[in-house]
Amino acid sequence: MDEIAKRIVAVDLFVALTNVGTGLVVAGSVADPAAYAWVGVAVVAMALPLAVASDRSEAGMWVLIGVGSLGILGLLVGWATDTVPISVVPALLVGLGIALGMHRLVFGVLRPVPDARRARLQSG
C-alpha cells in the first residue's frame, strides 16, 4: 500500500471509530437510544453506497455532499419543530461510522483504494 492509500485509510478509519465512539458515549445521555437502532441500520444502508460512489467519481462526491446536506437540514428542521427526537443522534453517528469503516476496510485494506479517491487527495 502506498503512502497516499495509507493516509486515506488511516483518516477514514479514525473518523469511523470516532463516530462510533461518540455515538456510544452520547447514547448514555439520551432516553432509550436502543429504540432508534433501526435508524442506524437505515443510515448504514444509505451511507454505504454513497461512500462507494464518492470514492469513484466527482459526481458521486457531489451526490454525497447533497444528500448529507439535505439530511442535516432535515434533522435541524425536525429538531426545531419537535418532530425528530434527539435520541436518534447516537444511532446516526454509529450508523455513519459503521458505513464509513466498512467501506474503507473493503476498499483500502482488503482491496486497493479507488484511483479517483487517490487522485482527489493528490490534487487537494
PDB file of N, CA and C in Angstrom:
ATOM      1  N   MET A   1       0.858  -1.182   0.000  1.00  0.00           N
ATOM      2  CA  MET A   1       0.000   0.000   0.000  1.00  0.00           C
ATOM      3  C   MET A   1       0.899   1.238   0.000  1.00  0.00           C
ATOM      4  N   ASP A   2       0.645   2.172  -0.915  1.00  0.00           N
ATOM      5  CA  ASP A   2       1.460   3.373  -0.996  1.00  0.00           C
ATOM      6  C   ASP A   2       1.071   4.374   0.100  1.00  0.00           C
ATOM      7  N   GLU A   3       1.834   5.440   0.179  1.00  0.00           N
ATOM      8  CA  GLU A   3       1.639   6.434   1.248  1.00  0.00           C
ATOM      9  C   GLU A   3       0.286   7.132   1.160  1.00  0.00           C
ATOM     10  N   ILE A   4      -0.166   7.431  -0.048  1.00  0.00           N
ATOM     11  CA  ILE A   4      -1.463   8.103  -0.207  1.00  0.00           C
ATOM     12  C   ILE A   4      -2.578   7.203   0.309  1.00  0.00           C
ATOM     13  N   ALA A   5      -2.548   5.935  -0.088  1.00  0.00           N
ATOM     14  CA  ALA A   5      -3.574   4.990   0.366  1.00  0.00           C
ATOM     15  C   ALA A   5      -3.524   4.836   1.882  1.00  0.00           C
ATOM     16  N   LYS A   6      -2.336   4.790   2.458  1.00  0.00           N
ATOM     17  CA  LYS A   6      -2.206   4.672   3.918  1.00  0.00           C
ATOM     18  C   LYS A   6      -2.838   5.862   4.620  1.00  0.00           C
ATOM     19  N   ARG A   7      -2.622   7.059   4.079  1.00  0.00           N
ATOM     20  CA  ARG A   7      -3.224   8.262   4.679  1.00  0.00           C
ATOM     21  C   ARG A   7      -4.739   8.216   4.598  1.00  0.00           C
ATOM     22  N   ILE A   8      -5.261   7.816   3.440  1.00  0.00           N
ATOM     23  CA  ILE A   8      -6.711   7.742   3.257  1.00  0.00           C
ATOM     24  C   ILE A   8      -7.306   6.734   4.225  1.00  0.00           C
ATOM     25  N   VAL A   9      -6.710   5.557   4.307  1.00  0.00           N
ATOM     26  CA  VAL A   9      -7.212   4.503   5.197  1.00  0.00           C
ATOM     27  C   VAL A   9      -7.141   4.956   6.649  1.00  0.00           C
ATOM     28  N   ALA A  10      -6.030   5.529   7.054  1.00  0.00           N
ATOM     29  CA  ALA A  10      -5.860   5.952   8.448  1.00  0.00           C
ATOM     30  C   ALA A  10      -6.891   7.013   8.841  1.00  0.00           C
ATOM     31  N   VAL A  11      -7.068   8.017   7.998  1.00  0.00           N
ATOM     32  CA  VAL A  11      -8.013   9.094   8.318  1.00  0.00           C
ATOM     33  C   VAL A  11      -9.441   8.568   8.345  1.00  0.00           C
ATOM     34  N   ASP A  12      -9.824   7.800   7.328  1.00  0.00           N
ATOM     35  CA  ASP A  12     -11.201   7.320   7.271  1.00  0.00           C
ATOM     36  C   ASP A  12     -11.532   6.356   8.404  1.00  0.00           C
ATOM     37  N   LEU A  13     -10.601   5.473   8.749  1.00  0.00           N
ATOM     38  CA  LEU A  13     -10.868   4.561   9.867  1.00  0.00           C
ATOM     39  C   LEU A  13     -10.894   5.313  11.194  1.00  0.00           C
ATOM     40  N   PHE A  14     -10.069   6.350  11.328  1.00  0.00           N
ATOM     41  CA  PHE A  14     -10.120   7.178  12.536  1.00  0.00           C
ATOM     42  C   PHE A  14     -11.471   7.887  12.650  1.00  0.00           C
ATOM     43  N   VAL A  15     -11.941   8.456  11.558  1.00  0.00           N
ATOM     44  CA  VAL A  15     -13.245   9.140  11.565  1.00  0.00           C
ATOM     45  C   VAL A  15     -14.355   8.139  11.877  1.00  0.00           C
ATOM     46  N   ALA A  16     -14.284   6.946  11.295  1.00  0.00           N
ATOM     47  CA  ALA A  16     -15.300   5.922  11.547  1.00  0.00           C
ATOM     48  C   ALA A  16     -15.315   5.540  13.027  1.00  0.00           C
ATOM     49  N   LEU A  17     -14.154   5.267  13.593  1.00  0.00           N
ATOM     50  CA  LEU A  17     -14.091   4.895  15.010  1.00  0.00           C
ATOM     51  C   LEU A  17     -14.529   6.036  15.916  1.00  0.00           C
ATOM     52  N   THR A  18     -14.193   7.257  15.536  1.00  0.00           N
ATOM     53  CA  THR A  18     -14.613   8.417  16.324  1.00  0.00           C
ATOM     54  C   THR A  18     -16.130   8.564  16.309  1.00  0.00           C
ATOM     55  N   ASN A  19     -16.753   8.360  15.155  1.00  0.00           N
ATOM     56  CA  ASN A  19     -18.216   8.433  15.080  1.00  0.00           C
ATOM     57  C   ASN A  19     -18.870   7.364  15.946  1.00  0.00           C
ATOM     58  N   VAL A  20     -18.384   6.139  15.840  1.00  0.00           N
ATOM     59  CA  VAL A  20     -18.960   5.056  16.644  1.00  0.00           C
ATOM     60  C   VAL A  20     -18.760   5.342  18.129  1.00  0.00           C
ATOM     61  N   GLY A  21     -17.561   5.736  18.503  1.00  0.00           N
ATOM     62  CA  GLY A  21     -17.292   6.041  19.913  1.00  0.00           C
ATOM     63  C   GLY A  21     -18.133   7.175  20.447  1.00  0.00           C
ATOM     64  N   THR A  22     -18.255   8.240  19.677  1.00  0.00           N
ATOM     65  CA  THR A  22     -19.079   9.375  20.099  1.00  0.00           C
ATOM     66  C   THR A  22     -20.542   8.966  20.213  1.00  0.00           C
ATOM     67  N   GLY A  23     -21.017   8.190  19.245  1.00  0.00           N
ATOM     68  CA  GLY A  23     -22.401   7.712  19.307  1.00  0.00           C
ATOM     69  C   GLY A  23     -22.667   6.887  20.544  1.00  0.00           C
ATOM     70  N   LEU A  24     -21.720   6.026  20.905  1.00  0.00           N
ATOM     71  CA  LEU A  24     -21.903   5.194  22.094  1.00  0.00           C
ATOM     72  C   LEU A  24     -21.860   6.026  23.371  1.00  0.00           C
ATOM     73  N   VAL A  25     -21.016   7.038  23.405  1.00  0.00           N
ATOM     74  CA  VAL A  25     -20.965   7.917  24.581  1.00  0.00           C
ATOM     75  C   VAL A  25     -22.253   8.726  24.694  1.00  0.00           C
ATOM     76  N   VAL A  26     -22.711   9.290  23.589  1.00  0.00           N
ATOM     77  CA  VAL A  26     -23.935  10.090  23.598  1.00  0.00           C
ATOM     78  C   VAL A  26     -25.146   9.220  23.950  1.00  0.00           C
ATOM     79  N   ALA A  27     -25.100   7.943  23.583  1.00  0.00           N
ATOM     80  CA  ALA A  27     -26.226   7.037  23.884  1.00  0.00           C
ATOM     81  C   ALA A  27     -26.515   6.984  25.378  1.00  0.00           C
ATOM     82  N   GLY A  28     -25.498   7.216  26.186  1.00  0.00           N
ATOM     83  CA  GLY A  28     -25.699   7.202  27.631  1.00  0.00           C
ATOM     84  C   GLY A  28     -26.437   8.409  28.165  1.00  0.00           C
ATOM     85  N   SER A  29     -26.637   9.427  27.317  1.00  0.00           N
ATOM     86  CA  SER A  29     -27.276  10.647  27.805  1.00  0.00           C
ATOM     87  C   SER A  29     -28.654  10.901  27.196  1.00  0.00           C
ATOM     88  N   VAL A  30     -29.161   9.967  26.397  1.00  0.00           N
ATOM     89  CA  VAL A  30     -30.484  10.150  25.808  1.00  0.00           C
ATOM     90  C   VAL A  30     -31.419   9.052  26.295  1.00  0.00           C
ATOM     91  N   ALA A  31     -32.690   9.337  26.224  1.00  0.00           N
ATOM     92  CA  ALA A  31     -33.690   8.365  26.672  1.00  0.00           C
ATOM     93  C   ALA A  31     -33.855   7.264  25.628  1.00  0.00           C
ATOM     94  N   ASP A  32     -33.695   6.038  26.037  1.00  0.00           N
ATOM     95  CA  ASP A  32     -33.944   4.842  25.229  1.00  0.00           C
ATOM     96  C   ASP A  32     -33.319   4.890  23.836  1.00  0.00           C
ATOM     97  N   PRO A  33     -31.983   4.955  23.753  1.00  0.00           N
ATOM     98  CA  PRO A  33     -31.348   5.019  22.435  1.00  0.00           C
ATOM     99  C   PRO A  33     -31.555   3.750  21.601  1.00  0.00           C
ATOM    100  N   ALA A  34     -31.789   2.615  22.244  1.00  0.00           N
ATOM    101  CA  ALA A  34     -31.993   1.363  21.507  1.00  0.00           C
ATOM    102  C   ALA A  34     -33.278   1.387  20.682  1.00  0.00           C
ATOM    103  N   ALA A  35     -34.212   2.243  21.050  1.00  0.00           N
ATOM    104  CA  ALA A  35     -35.468   2.340  20.299  1.00  0.00           C
ATOM    105  C   ALA A  35     -35.234   2.839  18.880  1.00  0.00           C
ATOM    106  N   TYR A  36     -34.101   3.468  18.645  1.00  0.00           N
ATOM    107  CA  TYR A  36     -33.806   4.023  17.323  1.00  0.00           C
ATOM    108  C   TYR A  36     -32.692   3.268  16.612  1.00  0.00           C
ATOM    109  N   ALA A  37     -32.453   2.028  17.006  1.00  0.00           N
ATOM    110  CA  ALA A  37     -31.426   1.223  16.336  1.00  0.00           C
ATOM    111  C   ALA A  37     -31.733   1.068  14.849  1.00  0.00           C
ATOM    112  N   TRP A  38     -33.011   1.025  14.512  1.00  0.00           N
ATOM    113  CA  TRP A  38     -33.389   0.904  13.105  1.00  0.00           C
ATOM    114  C   TRP A  38     -32.883   2.090  12.283  1.00  0.00           C
ATOM    115  N   VAL A  39     -32.753   3.248  12.924  1.00  0.00           N
ATOM    116  CA  VAL A  39     -32.230   4.427  12.225  1.00  0.00           C
ATOM    117  C   VAL A  39     -30.772   4.181  11.842  1.00  0.00           C
ATOM    118  N   GLY A  40     -30.022   3.584  12.754  1.00  0.00           N
ATOM    119  CA  GLY A  40     -28.629   3.262  12.461  1.00  0.00           C
ATOM    120  C   GLY A  40     -28.496   2.308  11.287  1.00  0.00           C
ATOM    121  N   VAL A  41     -29.368   1.310  11.244  1.00  0.00           N
ATOM    122  CA  VAL A  41     -29.356   0.357  10.134  1.00  0.00           C
ATOM    123  C   VAL A  41     -29.699   1.068   8.828  1.00  0.00           C
ATOM    124  N   ALA A  42     -30.676   1.956   8.864  1.00  0.00           N
ATOM    125  CA  ALA A  42     -31.055   2.711   7.663  1.00  0.00           C
ATOM    126  C   ALA A  42     -29.913   3.622   7.213  1.00  0.00           C
ATOM    127  N   VAL A  43     -29.224   4.231   8.164  1.00  0.00           N
ATOM    128  CA  VAL A  43     -28.097   5.103   7.820  1.00  0.00           C
ATOM    129  C   VAL A  43     -26.986   4.292   7.154  1.00  0.00           C
ATOM    130  N   VAL A  44     -26.691   3.112   7.674  1.00  0.00           N
ATOM    131  CA  VAL A  44     -25.681   2.252   7.045  1.00  0.00           C
ATOM    132  C   VAL A  44     -26.104   1.926   5.614  1.00  0.00           C
ATOM    133  N   ALA A  45     -27.369   1.569   5.438  1.00  0.00           N
ATOM    134  CA  ALA A  45     -27.864   1.187   4.116  1.00  0.00           C
ATOM    135  C   ALA A  45     -27.802   2.349   3.121  1.00  0.00           C
ATOM    136  N   MET A  46     -27.939   3.574   3.589  1.00  0.00           N
ATOM    137  CA  MET A  46     -27.879   4.730   2.695  1.00  0.00           C
ATOM    138  C   MET A  46     -26.458   5.263   2.541  1.00  0.00           C
ATOM    139  N   ALA A  47     -25.696   5.280   3.624  1.00  0.00           N
ATOM    140  CA  ALA A  47     -24.362   5.884   3.585  1.00  0.00           C
ATOM    141  C   ALA A  47     -23.335   5.012   2.868  1.00  0.00           C
ATOM    142  N   LEU A  48     -23.486   3.710   2.948  1.00  0.00           N
ATOM    143  CA  LEU A  48     -22.508   2.822   2.320  1.00  0.00           C
ATOM    144  C   LEU A  48     -22.448   3.011   0.801  1.00  0.00           C
ATOM    145  N   PRO A  49     -23.580   2.970   0.094  1.00  0.00           N
ATOM    146  CA  PRO A  49     -23.477   3.209  -1.355  1.00  0.00           C
ATOM    147  C   PRO A  49     -23.016   4.625  -1.697  1.00  0.00           C
ATOM    148  N   LEU A  50     -23.347   5.594  -0.853  1.00  0.00           N
ATOM    149  CA  LEU A  50     -22.876   6.955  -1.096  1.00  0.00           C
ATOM    150  C   LEU A  50     -21.359   7.040  -0.939  1.00  0.00           C
ATOM    151  N   ALA A  51     -20.808   6.344   0.049  1.00  0.00           N
ATOM    152  CA  ALA A  51     -19.354   6.319   0.240  1.00  0.00           C
ATOM    153  C   ALA A  51     -18.674   5.653  -0.951  1.00  0.00           C
ATOM    154  N   VAL A  52     -19.254   4.569  -1.418  1.00  0.00           N
ATOM    155  CA  VAL A  52     -18.700   3.877  -2.588  1.00  0.00           C
ATOM    156  C   VAL A  52     -18.717   4.802  -3.803  1.00  0.00           C
ATOM    157  N   ALA A  53     -19.828   5.467  -4.029  1.00  0.00           N
ATOM    158  CA  ALA A  53     -19.948   6.365  -5.184  1.00  0.00           C
ATOM    159  C   ALA A  53     -18.984   7.544  -5.080  1.00  0.00           C
ATOM    160  N   SER A  54     -18.827   8.087  -3.874  1.00  0.00           N
ATOM    161  CA  SER A  54     -17.953   9.251  -3.712  1.00  0.00           C
ATOM    162  C   SER A  54     -16.486   8.899  -3.916  1.00  0.00           C
ATOM    163  N   ASP A  55     -16.130   7.656  -3.707  1.00  0.00           N
ATOM    164  CA  ASP A  55     -14.758   7.203  -3.919  1.00  0.00           C
ATOM    165  C   ASP A  55     -14.429   7.023  -5.386  1.00  0.00           C
ATOM    166  N   ARG A  56     -15.437   6.932  -6.222  1.00  0.00           N
ATOM    167  CA  ARG A  56     -15.215   6.552  -7.608  1.00  0.00           C
ATOM    168  C   ARG A  56     -15.393   7.669  -8.626  1.00  0.00           C
ATOM    169  N   SER A  57     -16.026   8.761  -8.237  1.00  0.00           N
ATOM    170  CA  SER A  57     -16.207   9.848  -9.202  1.00  0.00           C
ATOM    171  C   SER A  57     -16.495  11.162  -8.482  1.00  0.00           C
ATOM    172  N   GLU A  58     -16.260  12.223  -9.203  1.00  0.00           N
ATOM    173  CA  GLU A  58     -16.573  13.554  -8.667  1.00  0.00           C
ATOM    174  C   GLU A  58     -18.086  13.720  -8.522  1.00  0.00           C
ATOM    175  N   ALA A  59     -18.838  13.163  -9.465  1.00  0.00           N
ATOM    176  CA  ALA A  59     -20.300  13.229  -9.371  1.00  0.00           C
ATOM    177  C   ALA A  59     -20.788  12.522  -8.117  1.00  0.00           C
ATOM    178  N   GLY A  60     -20.194  11.367  -7.810  1.00  0.00           N
ATOM    179  CA  GLY A  60     -20.557  10.644  -6.596  1.00  0.00           C
ATOM    180  C   GLY A  60     -20.277  11.461  -5.348  1.00  0.00           C
ATOM    181  N   MET A  61     -19.171  12.207  -5.368  1.00  0.00           N
ATOM    182  CA  MET A  61     -18.838  13.058  -4.230  1.00  0.00           C
ATOM    183  C   MET A  61     -19.879  14.162  -4.066  1.00  0.00           C
ATOM    184  N   TRP A  62     -20.333  14.732  -5.171  1.00  0.00           N
ATOM    185  CA  TRP A  62     -21.344  15.786  -5.091  1.00  0.00           C
ATOM    186  C   TRP A  62     -22.697  15.231  -4.635  1.00  0.00           C
ATOM    187  N   VAL A  63     -23.006  14.017  -5.040  1.00  0.00           N
ATOM    188  CA  VAL A  63     -24.241  13.385  -4.555  1.00  0.00           C
ATOM    189  C   VAL A  63     -24.150  13.179  -3.046  1.00  0.00           C
ATOM    190  N   LEU A  64     -23.008  12.714  -2.565  1.00  0.00           N
ATOM    191  CA  LEU A  64     -22.799  12.533  -1.125  1.00  0.00           C
ATOM    192  C   LEU A  64     -22.966  13.862  -0.385  1.00  0.00           C
ATOM    193  N   ILE A  65     -22.367  14.899  -0.900  1.00  0.00           N
ATOM    194  CA  ILE A  65     -22.479  16.222  -0.270  1.00  0.00           C
ATOM    195  C   ILE A  65     -23.935  16.695  -0.268  1.00  0.00           C
ATOM    196  N   GLY A  66     -24.636  16.507  -1.374  1.00  0.00           N
ATOM    197  CA  GLY A  66     -26.037  16.930  -1.462  1.00  0.00           C
ATOM    198  C   GLY A  66     -26.939  16.165  -0.512  1.00  0.00           C
ATOM    199  N   VAL A  67     -26.811  14.841  -0.504  1.00  0.00           N
ATOM    200  CA  VAL A  67     -27.642  14.022   0.387  1.00  0.00           C
ATOM    201  C   VAL A  67     -27.317  14.331   1.848  1.00  0.00           C
ATOM    202  N   GLY A  68     -26.039  14.473   2.152  1.00  0.00           N
ATOM    203  CA  GLY A  68     -25.651  14.809   3.522  1.00  0.00           C
ATOM    204  C   GLY A  68     -26.189  16.163   3.959  1.00  0.00           C
ATOM    205  N   SER A  69     -26.112  17.136   3.074  1.00  0.00           N
ATOM    206  CA  SER A  69     -26.631  18.478   3.392  1.00  0.00           C
ATOM    207  C   SER A  69     -28.132  18.453   3.610  1.00  0.00           C
ATOM    208  N   LEU A  70     -28.850  17.735   2.758  1.00  0.00           N
ATOM    209  CA  LEU A  70     -30.298  17.624   2.940  1.00  0.00           C
ATOM    210  C   LEU A  70     -30.638  16.890   4.237  1.00  0.00           C
ATOM    211  N   GLY A  71     -29.869  15.871   4.560  1.00  0.00           N
ATOM    212  CA  GLY A  71     -30.090  15.146   5.808  1.00  0.00           C
ATOM    213  C   GLY A  71     -29.888  16.030   7.031  1.00  0.00           C
ATOM    214  N   ILE A  72     -28.829  16.809   7.014  1.00  0.00           N
ATOM    215  CA  ILE A  72     -28.566  17.727   8.132  1.00  0.00           C
ATOM    216  C   ILE A  72     -29.668  18.777   8.232  1.00  0.00           C
ATOM    217  N   LEU A  73     -30.065  19.328   7.097  1.00  0.00           N
ATOM    218  CA  LEU A  73     -31.150  20.308   7.101  1.00  0.00           C
ATOM    219  C   LEU A  73     -32.442  19.690   7.634  1.00  0.00           C
ATOM    220  N   GLY A  74     -32.750  18.467   7.207  1.00  0.00           N
ATOM    221  CA  GLY A  74     -33.939  17.773   7.699  1.00  0.00           C
ATOM    222  C   GLY A  74     -33.894  17.551   9.202  1.00  0.00           C
ATOM    223  N   LEU A  75     -32.727  17.174   9.718  1.00  0.00           N
ATOM    224  CA  LEU A  75     -32.601  16.988  11.168  1.00  0.00           C
ATOM    225  C   LEU A  75     -32.798  18.301  11.913  1.00  0.00           C
ATOM    226  N   LEU A  76     -32.192  19.362  11.405  1.00  0.00           N
ATOM    227  CA  LEU A  76     -32.342  20.664  12.072  1.00  0.00           C
ATOM    228  C   LEU A  76     -33.795  21.122  12.094  1.00  0.00           C
ATOM    229  N   VAL A  77     -34.467  20.970  10.973  1.00  0.00           N
ATOM    230  CA  VAL A  77     -35.885  21.338  10.919  1.00  0.00           C
ATOM    231  C   VAL A  77     -36.693  20.421  11.847  1.00  0.00           C
ATOM    232  N   GLY A  78     -36.383  19.133  11.835  1.00  0.00           N
ATOM    233  CA  GLY A  78     -37.081  18.188  12.709  1.00  0.00           C
ATOM    234  C   GLY A  78     -36.896  18.500  14.181  1.00  0.00           C
ATOM    235  N   TRP A  79     -35.670  18.879  14.555  1.00  0.00           N
ATOM    236  CA  TRP A  79     -35.433  19.217  15.965  1.00  0.00           C
ATOM    237  C   TRP A  79     -36.075  20.552  16.322  1.00  0.00           C
ATOM    238  N   ALA A  80     -36.055  21.494  15.402  1.00  0.00           N
ATOM    239  CA  ALA A  80     -36.658  22.811  15.668  1.00  0.00           C
ATOM    240  C   ALA A  80     -38.169  22.712  15.815  1.00  0.00           C
ATOM    241  N   THR A  81     -38.786  21.765  15.126  1.00  0.00           N
ATOM    242  CA  THR A  81     -40.241  21.622  15.183  1.00  0.00           C
ATOM    243  C   THR A  81     -40.693  20.476  16.096  1.00  0.00           C
ATOM    244  N   ASP A  82     -39.760  19.883  16.803  1.00  0.00           N
ATOM    245  CA  ASP A  82     -40.040  18.768  17.716  1.00  0.00           C
ATOM    246  C   ASP A  82     -40.687  17.565  17.028  1.00  0.00           C
ATOM    247  N   THR A  83     -40.317  17.321  15.776  1.00  0.00           N
ATOM    248  CA  THR A  83     -40.840  16.145  15.083  1.00  0.00           C
ATOM    249  C   THR A  83     -39.820  15.017  15.014  1.00  0.00           C
ATOM    250  N   VAL A  84     -38.563  15.322  15.304  1.00  0.00           N
ATOM    251  CA  VAL A  84     -37.495  14.312  15.347  1.00  0.00           C
ATOM    252  C   VAL A  84     -36.877  14.352  16.738  1.00  0.00           C
ATOM    253  N   PRO A  85     -36.882  13.232  17.459  1.00  0.00           N
ATOM    254  CA  PRO A  85     -36.302  13.240  18.803  1.00  0.00           C
ATOM    255  C   PRO A  85     -34.774  13.261  18.756  1.00  0.00           C
ATOM    256  N   ILE A  86     -34.184  13.913  19.713  1.00  0.00           N
ATOM    257  CA  ILE A  86     -32.726  13.984  19.808  1.00  0.00           C
ATOM    258  C   ILE A  86     -32.124  12.603  20.067  1.00  0.00           C
ATOM    259  N   SER A  87     -32.944  11.672  20.496  1.00  0.00           N
ATOM    260  CA  SER A  87     -32.478  10.309  20.776  1.00  0.00           C
ATOM    261  C   SER A  87     -32.007   9.560  19.530  1.00  0.00           C
ATOM    262  N   VAL A  88     -32.225  10.115  18.349  1.00  0.00           N
ATOM    263  CA  VAL A  88     -31.738   9.457  17.129  1.00  0.00           C
ATOM    264  C   VAL A  88     -30.255   9.710  16.892  1.00  0.00           C
ATOM    265  N   VAL A  89     -29.671  10.701  17.575  1.00  0.00           N
ATOM    266  CA  VAL A  89     -28.280  11.073  17.328  1.00  0.00           C
ATOM    267  C   VAL A  89     -27.302   9.902  17.502  1.00  0.00           C
ATOM    268  N   PRO A  90     -27.376   9.136  18.592  1.00  0.00           N
ATOM    269  CA  PRO A  90     -26.422   8.025  18.706  1.00  0.00           C
ATOM    270  C   PRO A  90     -26.518   7.031  17.548  1.00  0.00           C
ATOM    271  N   ALA A  91     -27.721   6.690  17.139  1.00  0.00           N
ATOM    272  CA  ALA A  91     -27.883   5.747  16.033  1.00  0.00           C
ATOM    273  C   ALA A  91     -27.331   6.324  14.730  1.00  0.00           C
ATOM    274  N   LEU A  92     -27.532   7.616  14.505  1.00  0.00           N
ATOM    275  CA  LEU A  92     -26.993   8.257  13.309  1.00  0.00           C
ATOM    276  C   LEU A  92     -25.467   8.196  13.298  1.00  0.00           C
ATOM    277  N   LEU A  93     -24.868   8.553  14.407  1.00  0.00           N
ATOM    278  CA  LEU A  93     -23.405   8.557  14.479  1.00  0.00           C
ATOM    279  C   LEU A  93     -22.829   7.156  14.320  1.00  0.00           C
ATOM    280  N   VAL A  94     -23.407   6.196  15.015  1.00  0.00           N
ATOM    281  CA  VAL A  94     -22.917   4.819  14.920  1.00  0.00           C
ATOM    282  C   VAL A  94     -23.113   4.292  13.501  1.00  0.00           C
ATOM    283  N   GLY A  95     -24.260   4.562  12.896  1.00  0.00           N
ATOM    284  CA  GLY A  95     -24.515   4.117  11.534  1.00  0.00           C
ATOM    285  C   GLY A  95     -23.532   4.706  10.536  1.00  0.00           C
ATOM    286  N   LEU A  96     -23.252   6.007  10.658  1.00  0.00           N
ATOM    287  CA  LEU A  96     -22.279   6.641   9.767  1.00  0.00           C
ATOM    288  C   LEU A  96     -20.888   6.044   9.960  1.00  0.00           C
ATOM    289  N   GLY A  97     -20.520   5.831  11.210  1.00  0.00           N
ATOM    290  CA  GLY A  97     -19.210   5.247  11.490  1.00  0.00           C
ATOM    291  C   GLY A  97     -19.074   3.843  10.949  1.00  0.00           C
ATOM    292  N   ILE A  98     -20.100   3.042  11.113  1.00  0.00           N
ATOM    293  CA  ILE A  98     -20.060   1.671  10.599  1.00  0.00           C
ATOM    294  C   ILE A  98     -19.977   1.673   9.069  1.00  0.00           C
ATOM    295  N   ALA A  99     -20.767   2.511   8.419  1.00  0.00           N
ATOM    296  CA  ALA A  99     -20.751   2.560   6.950  1.00  0.00           C
ATOM    297  C   ALA A  99     -19.379   2.984   6.430  1.00  0.00           C
ATOM    298  N   LEU A 100     -18.823   4.037   7.000  1.00  0.00           N
ATOM    299  CA  LEU A 100     -17.515   4.509   6.548  1.00  0.00           C
ATOM    300  C   LEU A 100     -16.437   3.473   6.841  1.00  0.00           C
ATOM    301  N   GLY A 101     -16.484   2.892   8.022  1.00  0.00           N
ATOM    302  CA  GLY A 101     -15.490   1.883   8.386  1.00  0.00           C
ATOM    303  C   GLY A 101     -15.560   0.653   7.501  1.00  0.00           C
ATOM    304  N   MET A 102     -16.776   0.167   7.243  1.00  0.00           N
ATOM    305  CA  MET A 102     -16.935  -1.000   6.369  1.00  0.00           C
ATOM    306  C   MET A 102     -16.400  -0.702   4.968  1.00  0.00           C
ATOM    307  N   HIS A 103     -16.758   0.459   4.468  1.00  0.00           N
ATOM    308  CA  HIS A 103     -16.305   0.835   3.129  1.00  0.00           C
ATOM    309  C   HIS A 103     -14.776   0.887   3.064  1.00  0.00           C
ATOM    310  N   ARG A 104     -14.161   1.544   4.018  1.00  0.00           N
ATOM    311  CA  ARG A 104     -12.712   1.695   3.959  1.00  0.00           C
ATOM    312  C   ARG A 104     -11.981   0.389   4.250  1.00  0.00           C
ATOM    313  N   LEU A 105     -12.573  -0.480   5.045  1.00  0.00           N
ATOM    314  CA  LEU A 105     -11.955  -1.789   5.250  1.00  0.00           C
ATOM    315  C   LEU A 105     -11.947  -2.596   3.954  1.00  0.00           C
ATOM    316  N   VAL A 106     -13.050  -2.530   3.211  1.00  0.00           N
ATOM    317  CA  VAL A 106     -13.107  -3.275   1.944  1.00  0.00           C
ATOM    318  C   VAL A 106     -12.250  -2.589   0.886  1.00  0.00           C
ATOM    319  N   PHE A 107     -12.458  -1.283   0.690  1.00  0.00           N
ATOM    320  CA  PHE A 107     -11.723  -0.551  -0.342  1.00  0.00           C
ATOM    321  C   PHE A 107     -10.637   0.300   0.295  1.00  0.00           C
ATOM    322  N   GLY A 108      -9.627  -0.361   0.775  1.00  0.00           N
ATOM    323  CA  GLY A 108      -8.495   0.305   1.392  1.00  0.00           C
ATOM    324  C   GLY A 108      -7.603  -0.709   2.078  1.00  0.00           C
ATOM    325  N   VAL A 109      -8.237  -1.679   2.749  1.00  0.00           N
ATOM    326  CA  VAL A 109      -7.473  -2.723   3.429  1.00  0.00           C
ATOM    327  C   VAL A 109      -7.507  -4.014   2.612  1.00  0.00           C
ATOM    328  N   LEU A 110      -8.698  -4.512   2.300  1.00  0.00           N
ATOM    329  CA  LEU A 110      -8.818  -5.760   1.547  1.00  0.00           C
ATOM    330  C   LEU A 110      -8.548  -5.569   0.051  1.00  0.00           C
ATOM    331  N   ARG A 111      -9.009  -4.454  -0.473  1.00  0.00           N
ATOM    332  CA  ARG A 111      -8.801  -4.141  -1.887  1.00  0.00           C
ATOM    333  C   ARG A 111      -8.194  -2.744  -1.958  1.00  0.00           C
ATOM    334  N   PRO A 112      -7.617  -2.367  -3.090  1.00  0.00           N
ATOM    335  CA  PRO A 112      -6.985  -1.045  -3.164  1.00  0.00           C
ATOM    336  C   PRO A 112      -7.981   0.113  -3.096  1.00  0.00           C
ATOM    337  N   VAL A 113      -7.494   1.244  -2.615  1.00  0.00           N
ATOM    338  CA  VAL A 113      -8.282   2.468  -2.626  1.00  0.00           C
ATOM    339  C   VAL A 113      -8.499   2.845  -4.099  1.00  0.00           C
ATOM    340  N   PRO A 114      -9.739   3.176  -4.494  1.00  0.00           N
ATOM    341  CA  PRO A 114     -10.000   3.529  -5.898  1.00  0.00           C
ATOM    342  C   PRO A 114      -9.138   4.705  -6.380  1.00  0.00           C
ATOM    343  N   ASP A 115      -8.780   4.647  -7.649  1.00  0.00           N
ATOM    344  CA  ASP A 115      -7.903   5.667  -8.234  1.00  0.00           C
ATOM    345  C   ASP A 115      -8.482   7.073  -8.129  1.00  0.00           C
ATOM    346  N   ALA A 116      -9.795   7.202  -8.321  1.00  0.00           N
ATOM    347  CA  ALA A 116     -10.416   8.531  -8.243  1.00  0.00           C
ATOM    348  C   ALA A 116     -10.237   9.130  -6.849  1.00  0.00           C
ATOM    349  N   ARG A 117     -10.306   8.320  -5.818  1.00  0.00           N
ATOM    350  CA  ARG A 117     -10.118   8.815  -4.446  1.00  0.00           C
ATOM    351  C   ARG A 117      -8.675   9.233  -4.217  1.00  0.00           C
ATOM    352  N   ARG A 118      -7.743   8.445  -4.733  1.00  0.00           N
ATOM    353  CA  ARG A 118      -6.314   8.807  -4.612  1.00  0.00           C
ATOM    354  C   ARG A 118      -6.043  10.123  -5.322  1.00  0.00           C
ATOM    355  N   ALA A 119      -6.584  10.263  -6.517  1.00  0.00           N
ATOM    356  CA  ALA A 119      -6.366  11.473  -7.298  1.00  0.00           C
ATOM    357  C   ALA A 119      -6.905  12.700  -6.581  1.00  0.00           C
ATOM    358  N   ARG A 120      -8.045  12.550  -5.914  1.00  0.00           N
ATOM    359  CA  ARG A 120      -8.637  13.684  -5.188  1.00  0.00           C
ATOM    360  C   ARG A 120      -7.729  14.137  -4.061  1.00  0.00           C
ATOM    361  N   LEU A 121      -7.098  13.199  -3.371  1.00  0.00           N
ATOM    362  CA  LEU A 121      -6.179  13.576  -2.288  1.00  0.00           C
ATOM    363  C   LEU A 121      -4.918  14.209  -2.851  1.00  0.00           C
ATOM    364  N   GLN A 122      -4.418  13.690  -3.964  1.00  0.00           N
ATOM    365  CA  GLN A 122      -3.204  14.226  -4.559  1.00  0.00           C
ATOM    366  C   GLN A 122      -3.419  15.644  -5.088  1.00  0.00           C
ATOM    367  N   SER A 123      -4.613  15.913  -5.637  1.00  0.00           N
ATOM    368  CA  SER A 123      -4.860  17.244  -6.201  1.00  0.00           C
ATOM    369  C   SER A 123      -5.299  18.254  -5.157  1.00  0.00           C
ATOM    370  N   GLY A 124      -5.742  17.766  -3.994  1.00  0.00           N
ATOM    371  CA  GLY A 124      -6.258  18.677  -2.948  1.00  0.00           C
ATOM    372  C   GLY A 124      -5.208  19.004  -2.016  1.00  0.00           C
TER     373      GLY A 124
END
